[in-house]
Amino acid sequence: MIVSVYKTNVNTKIKLRKVKPVLNRILLNSKWNFDLEDCDKILRVESQKSYSGFLITELHKIGIHCEELF
């Protein structure tokens, strides 16, 4: 299991509704969640493989800033 953590600009439920279908399409068979209370608006992804580059690119296409934290 790979756990990836991303800093995002998803700071409202409206943005979360915008991003949810994209994440569901990309992250098949994966668990993901946002911590909107965190100052970095963390997206946490648990998956069997890394989606980092593709995920970041796809979210940027819909206007969502996303960068992986190491």
C-alpha atoms as a PDB file:
ATOM      1  CA  MET A   1       0.000   0.000   0.000  1.00  0.00           C
ATOM      2  CA  ILE A   2       1.307   3.415  -1.021  1.00  0.00           C
ATOM      3  CA  VAL A   3       0.204   6.466   0.963  1.00  0.00           C
ATOM      4  CA  SER A   4       0.653   9.813  -0.782  1.00  0.00           C
ATOM      5  CA  VAL A   5      -0.041  13.218   0.739  1.00  0.00           C
ATOM      6  CA  TYR A   6      -0.711  16.365  -1.280  1.00  0.00           C
ATOM      7  CA  LYS A   7      -1.076  20.057  -0.473  1.00  0.00           C
ATOM      8  CA  THR A   8      -4.069  21.500  -2.345  1.00  0.00           C
ATOM      9  CA  ASN A   9      -6.228  24.600  -2.606  1.00  0.00           C
ATOM     10  CA  VAL A  10      -9.467  22.659  -2.041  1.00  0.00           C
ATOM     11  CA  ASN A  11     -10.768  24.850   0.767  1.00  0.00           C
ATOM     12  CA  THR A  12     -14.539  24.739   0.262  1.00  0.00           C
ATOM     13  CA  LYS A  13     -17.222  22.112  -0.227  1.00  0.00           C
ATOM     14  CA  ILE A  14     -17.867  23.602  -3.680  1.00  0.00           C
ATOM     15  CA  LYS A  15     -14.288  22.843  -4.751  1.00  0.00           C
ATOM     16  CA  LEU A  16     -14.582  19.416  -3.149  1.00  0.00           C
ATOM     17  CA  ARG A  17     -17.686  18.677  -5.262  1.00  0.00           C
ATOM     18  CA  LYS A  18     -15.749  19.808  -8.337  1.00  0.00           C
ATOM     19  CA  VAL A  19     -12.807  17.504  -7.610  1.00  0.00           C
ATOM     20  CA  LYS A  20     -14.698  14.429  -6.368  1.00  0.00           C
ATOM     21  CA  PRO A  21     -15.705  12.987  -9.796  1.00  0.00           C
ATOM     22  CA  VAL A  22     -12.159  13.479 -11.115  1.00  0.00           C
ATOM     23  CA  LEU A  23     -10.626  11.662  -8.141  1.00  0.00           C
ATOM     24  CA  ASN A  24     -13.188   8.861  -8.362  1.00  0.00           C
ATOM     25  CA  ARG A  25     -12.344   8.410 -12.054  1.00  0.00           C
ATOM     26  CA  ILE A  26      -8.565   8.485 -11.578  1.00  0.00           C
ATOM     27  CA  LEU A  27      -8.215   6.667  -8.270  1.00  0.00           C
ATOM     28  CA  LEU A  28     -10.047   3.426  -8.947  1.00  0.00           C
ATOM     29  CA  ASN A  29      -9.714   0.913  -6.099  1.00  0.00           C
ATOM     30  CA  SER A  30      -8.063   3.562  -3.926  1.00  0.00           C
ATOM     31  CA  LYS A  31      -9.054   5.421  -0.781  1.00  0.00           C
ATOM     32  CA  TRP A  32      -8.769   9.192  -0.672  1.00  0.00           C
ATOM     33  CA  ASN A  33      -9.853  11.986   1.653  1.00  0.00           C
ATOM     34  CA  PHE A  34      -9.342  15.677   2.298  1.00  0.00           C
ATOM     35  CA  ASP A  35      -8.535  17.433   5.541  1.00  0.00           C
ATOM     36  CA  LEU A  36     -10.081  20.846   4.889  1.00  0.00           C
ATOM     37  CA  GLU A  37      -9.250  21.933   8.453  1.00  0.00           C
ATOM     38  CA  ASP A  38      -5.493  21.570   7.834  1.00  0.00           C
ATOM     39  CA  CYS A  39      -3.726  24.745   6.694  1.00  0.00           C
ATOM     40  CA  ASP A  40      -2.441  22.867   3.607  1.00  0.00           C
ATOM     41  CA  LYS A  41      -5.893  21.423   2.709  1.00  0.00           C
ATOM     42  CA  ILE A  42      -4.372  17.939   2.621  1.00  0.00           C
ATOM     43  CA  LEU A  43      -5.418  15.265   0.153  1.00  0.00           C
ATOM     44  CA  ARG A  44      -4.404  11.802   1.363  1.00  0.00           C
ATOM     45  CA  VAL A  45      -4.431   8.874  -1.073  1.00  0.00           C
ATOM     46  CA  GLU A  46      -3.999   5.175  -0.251  1.00  0.00           C
ATOM     47  CA  SER A  47      -3.464   3.054  -3.356  1.00  0.00           C
ATOM     48  CA  GLN A  48      -1.646   0.066  -4.791  1.00  0.00           C
ATOM     49  CA  LYS A  49       0.376   2.247  -7.189  1.00  0.00           C
ATOM     50  CA  SER A  50       1.569   5.827  -7.461  1.00  0.00           C
ATOM     51  CA  TYR A  51      -0.675   8.281  -9.284  1.00  0.00           C
ATOM     52  CA  SER A  52       1.319  11.412  -8.399  1.00  0.00           C
ATOM     53  CA  GLY A  53       2.222  12.931 -11.762  1.00  0.00           C
ATOM     54  CA  PHE A  54      -1.036  11.992 -13.458  1.00  0.00           C
ATOM     55  CA  LEU A  55      -3.145  13.106 -10.490  1.00  0.00           C
ATOM     56  CA  ILE A  56      -1.415  16.483 -10.252  1.00  0.00           C
ATOM     57  CA  THR A  57      -1.807  17.067 -14.009  1.00  0.00           C
ATOM     58  CA  GLU A  58      -5.490  16.135 -14.034  1.00  0.00           C
ATOM     59  CA  LEU A  59      -6.300  18.359 -11.040  1.00  0.00           C
ATOM     60  CA  HIS A  60      -4.423  21.293 -12.599  1.00  0.00           C
ATOM     61  CA  LYS A  61      -6.643  20.893 -15.689  1.00  0.00           C
ATOM     62  CA  ILE A  62      -9.694  21.765 -13.563  1.00  0.00           C
ATOM     63  CA  GLY A  63      -7.971  24.623 -11.722  1.00  0.00           C
ATOM     64  CA  ILE A  64      -6.962  22.772  -8.560  1.00  0.00           C
ATOM     65  CA  HIS A  65      -3.466  23.332  -7.197  1.00  0.00           C
ATOM     66  CA  CYS A  66      -1.931  20.072  -6.012  1.00  0.00           C
ATOM     67  CA  GLU A  67       1.635  19.310  -4.953  1.00  0.00           C
ATOM     68  CA  GLU A  68       2.980  16.179  -3.342  1.00  0.00           C
ATOM     69  CA  LEU A  69       4.451  16.517   0.132  1.00  0.00           C
ATOM     70  CA  PHE A  70       7.425  14.318   1.006  1.00  0.00           C
END
